[in-house]
C-alpha atoms as a PDB file:
ATOM      1  CA  MET A   1     -57.341 -18.452 158.307  1.00  0.00           C
ATOM      2  CA  ASN A   2     -59.420 -19.745 155.113  1.00  0.00           C
ATOM      3  CA  THR A   3     -61.780 -22.432 155.938  1.00  0.00           C
ATOM      4  CA  ARG A   4     -63.209 -23.268 152.794  1.00  0.00           C
ATOM      5  CA  GLU A   5     -61.571 -25.737 150.160  1.00  0.00           C
ATOM      6  CA  ARG A   6     -58.987 -24.015 147.880  1.00  0.00           C
ATOM      7  CA  TYR A   7     -59.662 -23.296 144.018  1.00  0.00           C
ATOM      8  CA  PRO A   8     -57.340 -23.404 141.296  1.00  0.00           C
ATOM      9  CA  SER A   9     -57.652 -19.959 140.907  1.00  0.00           C
ATOM     10  CA  ASP A  10     -56.682 -18.939 144.470  1.00  0.00           C
ATOM     11  CA  LEU A  11     -53.662 -17.235 145.137  1.00  0.00           C
ATOM     12  CA  THR A  12     -50.760 -19.228 146.886  1.00  0.00           C
ATOM     13  CA  ASP A  13     -49.111 -17.859 149.869  1.00  0.00           C
ATOM     14  CA  LYS A  14     -46.096 -16.836 147.957  1.00  0.00           C
ATOM     15  CA  GLN A  15     -48.270 -15.066 145.534  1.00  0.00           C
ATOM     16  CA  TRP A  16     -50.430 -13.339 148.031  1.00  0.00           C
ATOM     17  CA  GLU A  17     -47.018 -11.955 149.713  1.00  0.00           C
ATOM     18  CA  GLN A  18     -46.158 -10.306 146.534  1.00  0.00           C
ATOM     19  CA  LEU A  19     -49.726  -8.911 145.939  1.00  0.00           C
ATOM     20  CA  TYR A  20     -50.460  -7.615 149.294  1.00  0.00           C
ATOM     21  CA  PRO A  21     -48.316  -4.945 149.630  1.00  0.00           C
ATOM     22  CA  LEU A  22     -49.408  -3.541 146.181  1.00  0.00           C
ATOM     23  CA  LEU A  23     -52.999  -3.175 147.712  1.00  0.00           C
ATOM     24  CA  PRO A  24     -54.618  -0.170 149.487  1.00  0.00           C
ATOM     25  CA  HIS A  25     -54.579  -1.064 153.200  1.00  0.00           C
ATOM     26  CA  LYS A  26     -57.254   0.919 155.099  1.00  0.00           C
ATOM     27  CA  ARG A  27     -59.925  -0.844 157.191  1.00  0.00           C
ATOM     28  CA  THR A  28     -60.383  -4.350 155.366  1.00  0.00           C
ATOM     29  CA  PRO A  29     -58.565  -7.272 157.298  1.00  0.00           C
ATOM     30  CA  GLU A  30     -56.163  -8.901 155.275  1.00  0.00           C
ATOM     31  CA  ALA A  31     -58.008 -12.294 155.261  1.00  0.00           C
ATOM     32  CA  LYS A  32     -60.991 -10.578 154.098  1.00  0.00           C
ATOM     33  CA  MET A  33     -59.049  -8.882 151.630  1.00  0.00           C
ATOM     34  CA  ARG A  34     -57.310 -12.317 150.199  1.00  0.00           C
ATOM     35  CA  GLU A  35     -60.805 -13.670 149.659  1.00  0.00           C
ATOM     36  CA  TYR A  36     -61.997 -10.736 147.991  1.00  0.00           C
ATOM     37  CA  VAL A  37     -59.116 -11.010 145.467  1.00  0.00           C
ATOM     38  CA  ASN A  38     -59.485 -14.833 145.488  1.00  0.00           C
ATOM     39  CA  GLY A  39     -63.409 -14.434 144.437  1.00  0.00           C
ATOM     40  CA  ILE A  40     -62.096 -12.080 141.615  1.00  0.00           C
ATOM     41  CA  LEU A  41     -59.550 -14.142 140.398  1.00  0.00           C
ATOM     42  CA  TYR A  42     -62.136 -17.316 140.359  1.00  0.00           C
ATOM     43  CA  VAL A  43     -64.247 -14.834 138.265  1.00  0.00           C
ATOM     44  CA  LEU A  44     -61.603 -13.689 135.655  1.00  0.00           C
ATOM     45  CA  ARG A  45     -60.226 -17.113 135.533  1.00  0.00           C
ATOM     46  CA  THR A  46     -63.605 -19.131 134.838  1.00  0.00           C
ATOM     47  CA  GLY A  47     -65.327 -16.362 133.007  1.00  0.00           C
ATOM     48  CA  CYS A  48     -68.604 -16.695 134.891  1.00  0.00           C
ATOM     49  CA  SER A  49     -70.889 -13.687 136.038  1.00  0.00           C
ATOM     50  CA  TRP A  50     -70.636 -11.853 139.541  1.00  0.00           C
ATOM     51  CA  GLN A  51     -73.840 -13.747 140.319  1.00  0.00           C
ATOM     52  CA  MET A  52     -72.351 -17.441 139.667  1.00  0.00           C
ATOM     53  CA  LEU A  53     -69.651 -16.668 142.266  1.00  0.00           C
ATOM     54  CA  PRO A  54     -69.713 -19.755 144.707  1.00  0.00           C
ATOM     55  CA  HIS A  55     -71.243 -19.463 148.181  1.00  0.00           C
ATOM     56  CA  ASP A  56     -68.033 -20.155 149.935  1.00  0.00           C
ATOM     57  CA  PHE A  57     -66.763 -16.771 148.711  1.00  0.00           C
ATOM     58  CA  PRO A  58     -67.923 -13.777 150.308  1.00  0.00           C
ATOM     59  CA  PRO A  59     -71.448 -12.051 148.803  1.00  0.00           C
ATOM     60  CA  PHE A  60     -70.738 -11.672 145.083  1.00  0.00           C
ATOM     61  CA  GLN A  61     -72.090  -7.775 145.292  1.00  0.00           C
ATOM     62  CA  THR A  62     -68.972  -7.325 147.958  1.00  0.00           C
ATOM     63  CA  VAL A  63     -66.267  -9.240 145.598  1.00  0.00           C
ATOM     64  CA  LYS A  64     -67.587  -7.078 142.653  1.00  0.00           C
ATOM     65  CA  THR A  65     -67.510  -3.800 144.691  1.00  0.00           C
ATOM     66  CA  TYR A  66     -63.785  -4.478 145.381  1.00  0.00           C
ATOM     67  CA  PHE A  67     -62.999  -5.139 142.002  1.00  0.00           C
ATOM     68  CA  TYR A  68     -64.269  -1.827 140.701  1.00  0.00           C
ATOM     69  CA  LYS A  69     -62.889  -0.050 143.867  1.00  0.00           C
ATOM     70  CA  LEU A  70     -59.480  -1.165 142.769  1.00  0.00           C
ATOM     71  CA  GLN A  71     -60.123  -0.289 138.982  1.00  0.00           C
ATOM     72  CA  ARG A  72     -61.088   3.198 139.746  1.00  0.00           C
ATOM     73  CA  ASN A  73     -58.143   3.874 142.272  1.00  0.00           C
ATOM     74  CA  GLY A  74     -55.597   2.611 139.824  1.00  0.00           C
ATOM     75  CA  SER A  75     -54.591  -0.334 141.576  1.00  0.00           C
ATOM     76  CA  TRP A  76     -54.916  -2.970 139.013  1.00  0.00           C
ATOM     77  CA  GLN A  77     -52.584  -0.624 136.772  1.00  0.00           C
ATOM     78  CA  ARG A  78     -49.939  -0.622 139.734  1.00  0.00           C
ATOM     79  CA  ILE A  79     -49.984  -4.465 140.298  1.00  0.00           C
ATOM     80  CA  HIS A  80     -49.571  -4.573 136.534  1.00  0.00           C
ATOM     81  CA  ASP A  81     -46.834  -2.385 136.314  1.00  0.00           C
ATOM     82  CA  ALA A  82     -45.168  -4.031 139.274  1.00  0.00           C
ATOM     83  CA  LEU A  83     -45.634  -7.704 138.321  1.00  0.00           C
ATOM     84  CA  TYR A  84     -45.474  -7.596 134.725  1.00  0.00           C
ATOM     85  CA  PRO A  85     -41.421  -7.366 134.767  1.00  0.00           C
ATOM     86  CA  GLN A  86     -41.400 -10.115 137.202  1.00  0.00           C
ATOM     87  CA  VAL A  87     -42.978 -12.249 134.934  1.00  0.00           C
ATOM     88  CA  ARG A  88     -41.111 -11.472 132.039  1.00  0.00           C
ATOM     89  CA  GLN A  89     -37.820 -12.320 133.868  1.00  0.00           C
ATOM     90  CA  HIS A  90     -39.161 -15.490 135.347  1.00  0.00           C
ATOM     91  CA  GLU A  91     -40.049 -16.384 131.790  1.00  0.00           C
ATOM     92  CA  GLY A  92     -36.067 -15.809 130.708  1.00  0.00           C
ATOM     93  CA  ARG A  93     -36.787 -12.571 128.920  1.00  0.00           C
ATOM     94  CA  GLU A  94     -35.655  -8.875 129.465  1.00  0.00           C
ATOM     95  CA  ALA A  95     -37.648  -7.012 132.203  1.00  0.00           C
ATOM     96  CA  GLU A  96     -38.998  -4.412 129.725  1.00  0.00           C
ATOM     97  CA  PRO A  97     -39.722  -5.498 125.960  1.00  0.00           C
ATOM     98  CA  SER A  98     -37.223  -4.082 123.483  1.00  0.00           C
ATOM     99  CA  LEU A  99     -39.527  -3.819 120.402  1.00  0.00           C
ATOM    100  CA  LEU A 100     -42.598  -2.428 119.523  1.00  0.00           C
ATOM    101  CA  ILE A 101     -44.744  -3.462 116.398  1.00  0.00           C
ATOM    102  CA  ILE A 102     -47.436  -0.901 115.092  1.00  0.00           C
ATOM    103  CA  ASP A 103     -49.948  -2.327 112.671  1.00  0.00           C
ATOM    104  CA  SER A 104     -50.182   0.086 109.859  1.00  0.00           C
ATOM    105  CA  GLN A 105     -53.184  -1.179 108.199  1.00  0.00           C
ATOM    106  CA  SER A 106     -55.334  -0.129 111.279  1.00  0.00           C
ATOM    107  CA  VAL A 107     -53.911   3.009 110.778  1.00  0.00           C
ATOM    108  CA  LYS A 108     -55.157   3.206 107.182  1.00  0.00           C
ATOM    109  CA  THR A 109     -58.475   1.976 107.778  1.00  0.00           C
ATOM    110  CA  ALA A 110     -59.095   4.343 110.381  1.00  0.00           C
ATOM    111  CA  GLU A 111     -58.010   7.075 108.112  1.00  0.00           C
ATOM    112  CA  LYS A 112     -60.382   6.223 105.697  1.00  0.00           C
ATOM    113  CA  GLY A 113     -63.332   6.326 108.068  1.00  0.00           C
ATOM    114  CA  GLY A 114     -63.527   2.914 108.919  1.00  0.00           C
ATOM    115  CA  LEU A 115     -66.625   0.981 108.020  1.00  0.00           C
ATOM    116  CA  VAL A 116     -68.429   3.601 106.254  1.00  0.00           C
ATOM    117  CA  ALA A 117     -65.480   4.172 103.752  1.00  0.00           C
ATOM    118  CA  THR A 118     -65.324   0.412 102.865  1.00  0.00           C
ATOM    119  CA  THR A 119     -69.068  -0.061 102.390  1.00  0.00           C
ATOM    120  CA  GLY A 120     -70.321   1.234  99.166  1.00  0.00           C
ATOM    121  CA  ALA A 121     -73.426   3.784  99.191  1.00  0.00           C
ATOM    122  CA  ARG A 122     -76.962   2.366  98.739  1.00  0.00           C
ATOM    123  CA  LYS A 123     -79.081   3.335  96.181  1.00  0.00           C
END
């Protein structure tokens, strides 16, 4: 079990129970995996660099490697896809959005050539 003091960014037990089944379970013990995820959440929540991760987390190199591993194998997308509808429902909304808005101005700018088209020729 965790022996360090809890940070506000740490997952609760209930949150961990929902997240754990969505993570790849190869050789990493559950307790270590939870600390890696808590370290990732700390960096994402505070905006600090990996090197600034407090010393009571696992080494920042390990936490950073685990973050990128989960990104490469698609775990973050699977987690998002699984939890997004739950978050919407918790907020009293439909699980899936029913409206899509496209900003036509962005398309027009892109069609003109972006920055080059909006800045005049220099003499």
